[in-house]
């Protein structure tokens, strides 16, 4: 019995630092359908460094040795396209803020702050909107907290962790993009 305890004590430090990295893949959301479109032409810009942003986290409830790699930039980008493209008369993605392809407003995603805590996703996305002359007409940081998957992860361990991250992140991003489109709907007339 003493030998088993001794071996366990020797292995504990090793087990606490060894583990696996798990990439959390997200399915691209379907294009969101709005009841009506906002009668403006918009372009969307997101810098490559933001598209490449990753979140790396650990959770005791799913095994502290496991690391969860969330492609938050890629996921935010896919949600942006899905939630913006059907919200306006015309929607275009652009790769550079220099180009003006006949849009009324340019929506720029300028910052992402994402983290998991308490088995829930938490996110801040900052957007600025410019008119066709390049003048900023709107700037706002949106925050949302997703539901916790703590009970599911506690029961299912590492196998349930990916699902909890996906579901909580989905709620967070859906909320933020719907709120952004709602704010544009309420304010775009004052920006002209």
Protein backbone atom coordinates (compact mmCIF):
# COMPACT_ATOMS: atom_id res chain seq x y z
CA UNK A 1 0.00 0.00 0.00
CA UNK A 2 2.85 2.38 0.87
CA UNK A 3 4.46 1.63 -2.49
CA UNK A 4 1.27 2.52 -4.36
CA UNK A 5 0.98 5.83 -2.50
CA UNK A 6 4.65 6.57 -3.14
CA UNK A 7 4.30 5.83 -6.87
CA UNK A 8 1.16 7.97 -7.00
CA UNK A 9 3.01 10.87 -5.37
CA UNK A 10 5.80 10.53 -7.94
CA UNK A 11 3.37 10.45 -10.86
CA UNK A 12 1.16 13.33 -9.68
CA UNK A 13 3.49 16.15 -10.81
CA UNK A 14 3.97 14.43 -14.17
CA UNK A 15 0.23 13.94 -14.71
CA UNK A 16 -0.53 17.54 -13.77
CA UNK A 17 1.76 18.93 -16.50
CA UNK A 18 1.31 16.31 -19.19
CA UNK A 19 -1.82 16.08 -21.20
CA UNK A 20 -3.26 16.65 -24.59
CA UNK A 21 -4.02 19.72 -26.61
CA UNK A 22 -7.54 19.51 -28.03
CA UNK A 23 -8.42 21.71 -31.03
CA UNK A 24 -12.04 22.82 -30.76
CA UNK A 25 -13.42 22.90 -34.31
CA UNK A 26 -16.57 24.91 -34.97
CA UNK A 27 -19.10 24.28 -37.71
CA UNK A 28 -19.79 27.41 -39.78
CA UNK A 29 -23.18 28.77 -38.76
CA UNK A 30 -25.92 29.02 -41.37
CA UNK A 31 -26.59 32.48 -42.76
CA UNK A 32 -29.00 34.20 -40.38
CA UNK A 33 -32.29 35.29 -41.94
CA UNK A 34 -33.69 38.64 -40.78
CA UNK A 35 -37.33 39.70 -41.11
CA UNK A 36 -36.21 42.71 -43.15
CA UNK A 37 -32.94 44.05 -44.49
CA UNK A 38 -31.41 47.40 -43.65
CA UNK A 39 -31.46 49.49 -46.85
CA UNK A 40 -27.73 50.29 -46.98
CA UNK A 41 -24.68 48.81 -48.67
CA UNK A 42 -22.04 47.68 -46.20
CA UNK A 43 -18.55 46.24 -46.34
CA UNK A 44 -16.95 44.22 -43.57
CA UNK A 45 -13.27 44.26 -42.65
CA UNK A 46 -11.41 42.12 -40.13
CA UNK A 47 -7.62 42.21 -39.89
CA UNK A 48 -5.74 38.96 -40.55
CA UNK A 49 -4.13 39.08 -37.08
CA UNK A 50 -7.61 38.99 -35.54
CA UNK A 51 -8.71 36.17 -37.85
CA UNK A 52 -5.70 34.14 -36.66
CA UNK A 53 -6.32 34.78 -32.94
CA UNK A 54 -6.38 31.68 -30.72
CA UNK A 55 -7.52 31.10 -27.16
CA UNK A 56 -5.74 28.44 -25.10
CA UNK A 57 -7.36 27.35 -21.86
CA UNK A 58 -7.50 24.66 -19.23
CA UNK A 59 -10.31 23.54 -16.95
CA UNK A 60 -10.01 21.52 -13.75
CA UNK A 61 -13.42 19.90 -14.28
CA UNK A 62 -12.30 18.30 -17.56
CA UNK A 63 -8.76 17.48 -16.47
CA UNK A 64 -6.27 20.26 -15.81
CA UNK A 65 -3.69 18.44 -17.93
CA UNK A 66 -5.84 18.97 -21.03
CA UNK A 67 -5.51 22.18 -23.02
CA UNK A 68 -8.38 23.46 -25.15
CA UNK A 69 -7.34 25.39 -28.28
CA UNK A 70 -10.16 27.58 -29.55
CA UNK A 71 -9.73 29.28 -32.96
CA UNK A 72 -11.62 32.32 -31.72
CA UNK A 73 -10.60 34.62 -34.58
CA UNK A 74 -11.69 32.20 -37.29
CA UNK A 75 -14.92 31.49 -35.42
CA UNK A 76 -15.75 35.19 -34.93
CA UNK A 77 -15.07 35.80 -38.63
CA UNK A 78 -17.43 32.98 -39.69
CA UNK A 79 -20.16 34.27 -37.39
CA UNK A 80 -19.65 37.82 -38.72
CA UNK A 81 -20.22 36.67 -42.28
CA UNK A 82 -23.21 34.52 -41.31
CA UNK A 83 -24.91 37.22 -39.25
CA UNK A 84 -24.13 40.25 -41.42
CA UNK A 85 -24.51 39.15 -45.03
CA UNK A 86 -28.32 38.94 -45.07
CA UNK A 87 -28.89 41.97 -42.85
CA UNK A 88 -28.31 44.62 -45.53
CA UNK A 89 -29.28 45.48 -49.10
CA UNK A 90 -25.70 44.72 -50.12
CA UNK A 91 -22.86 43.07 -48.21
CA UNK A 92 -19.21 42.77 -49.26
CA UNK A 93 -16.13 41.43 -47.50
CA UNK A 94 -12.96 43.43 -48.06
CA UNK A 95 -9.31 42.57 -47.43
CA UNK A 96 -8.07 46.15 -47.12
CA UNK A 97 -9.56 49.32 -45.69
CA UNK A 98 -8.09 51.24 -48.65
CA UNK A 99 -10.60 49.90 -51.15
CA UNK A 100 -14.03 51.49 -51.51
CA UNK A 101 -16.24 49.21 -53.56
CA UNK A 102 -19.37 51.32 -53.54
CA UNK A 103 -20.55 50.76 -50.00
CA UNK A 104 -22.33 53.25 -47.72
CA UNK A 105 -20.70 52.04 -44.50
CA UNK A 106 -17.64 50.04 -43.51
CA UNK A 107 -18.01 47.77 -40.48
CA UNK A 108 -14.62 47.09 -38.90
CA UNK A 109 -14.01 44.55 -36.17
CA UNK A 110 -11.14 46.10 -34.23
CA UNK A 111 -10.73 43.93 -31.12
CA UNK A 112 -11.55 40.48 -29.72
CA UNK A 113 -11.33 39.57 -26.05
CA UNK A 114 -12.47 35.99 -25.45
CA UNK A 115 -12.01 33.63 -22.55
CA UNK A 116 -13.62 30.66 -20.82
CA UNK A 117 -14.37 30.81 -17.11
CA UNK A 118 -16.74 28.67 -15.04
CA UNK A 119 -17.31 26.52 -18.15
CA UNK A 120 -18.88 29.55 -19.86
CA UNK A 121 -17.64 31.63 -22.78
CA UNK A 122 -17.14 35.35 -22.20
CA UNK A 123 -16.47 37.70 -25.09
CA UNK A 124 -15.99 41.37 -25.94
CA UNK A 125 -16.02 42.41 -29.59
CA UNK A 126 -15.30 46.02 -30.55
CA UNK A 127 -16.71 47.41 -33.78
CA UNK A 128 -16.31 50.74 -35.50
CA UNK A 129 -18.37 51.88 -38.45
CA UNK A 130 -17.19 54.46 -40.98
CA UNK A 131 -19.14 56.28 -43.66
CA UNK A 132 -17.92 56.37 -47.26
CA UNK A 133 -15.63 59.35 -46.50
CA UNK A 134 -13.84 57.35 -43.79
CA UNK A 135 -15.40 59.29 -40.91
CA UNK A 136 -16.22 57.13 -37.88
CA UNK A 137 -19.95 57.28 -37.20
CA UNK A 138 -20.24 54.50 -34.60
CA UNK A 139 -17.96 52.72 -32.14
CA UNK A 140 -19.05 50.23 -29.53
CA UNK A 141 -17.71 47.33 -27.47
CA UNK A 142 -20.22 44.50 -27.17
CA UNK A 143 -20.05 42.04 -24.28
CA UNK A 144 -21.82 38.74 -23.79
CA UNK A 145 -21.55 35.85 -21.34
CA UNK A 146 -22.58 32.39 -22.47
CA UNK A 147 -24.27 29.69 -20.43
CA UNK A 148 -22.13 27.44 -18.29
CA UNK A 149 -21.69 23.81 -19.24
CA UNK A 150 -20.20 23.00 -15.85
CA UNK A 151 -22.62 20.19 -14.94
CA UNK A 152 -22.28 18.51 -18.32
CA UNK A 153 -18.47 18.72 -18.21
CA UNK A 154 -18.35 17.48 -14.62
CA UNK A 155 -20.40 14.46 -15.64
CA UNK A 156 -18.74 13.86 -19.01
CA UNK A 157 -15.21 15.14 -18.39
CA UNK A 158 -12.97 15.88 -21.33
CA UNK A 159 -15.46 14.34 -23.75
CA UNK A 160 -18.06 16.98 -22.91
CA UNK A 161 -15.64 19.94 -22.82
CA UNK A 162 -15.62 20.63 -26.58
CA UNK A 163 -19.40 20.62 -26.71
CA UNK A 164 -19.63 23.02 -23.75
CA UNK A 165 -17.17 25.42 -25.41
CA UNK A 166 -19.04 25.30 -28.72
CA UNK A 167 -22.50 25.80 -27.22
CA UNK A 168 -21.50 28.65 -24.92
CA UNK A 169 -19.51 30.39 -27.67
CA UNK A 170 -22.44 30.07 -30.07
CA UNK A 171 -24.75 31.90 -27.63
CA UNK A 172 -22.15 34.63 -27.05
CA UNK A 173 -21.46 35.35 -30.71
CA UNK A 174 -25.09 35.09 -31.79
CA UNK A 175 -26.06 37.63 -29.10
CA UNK A 176 -23.31 40.08 -30.04
CA UNK A 177 -23.98 40.04 -33.79
CA UNK A 178 -27.75 40.35 -33.38
CA UNK A 179 -27.19 43.34 -31.07
CA UNK A 180 -24.80 44.94 -33.58
CA UNK A 181 -27.31 44.62 -36.43
CA UNK A 182 -30.07 45.95 -34.15
CA UNK A 183 -27.94 49.02 -33.28
CA UNK A 184 -27.20 49.66 -36.96
CA UNK A 185 -30.93 49.39 -37.74
CA UNK A 186 -31.73 51.93 -35.02
CA UNK A 187 -28.99 54.43 -35.96
CA UNK A 188 -28.03 54.26 -39.65
CA UNK A 189 -30.39 57.11 -40.65
CA UNK A 190 -28.49 59.53 -38.40
CA UNK A 191 -25.15 58.58 -40.01
CA UNK A 192 -26.01 59.86 -43.52
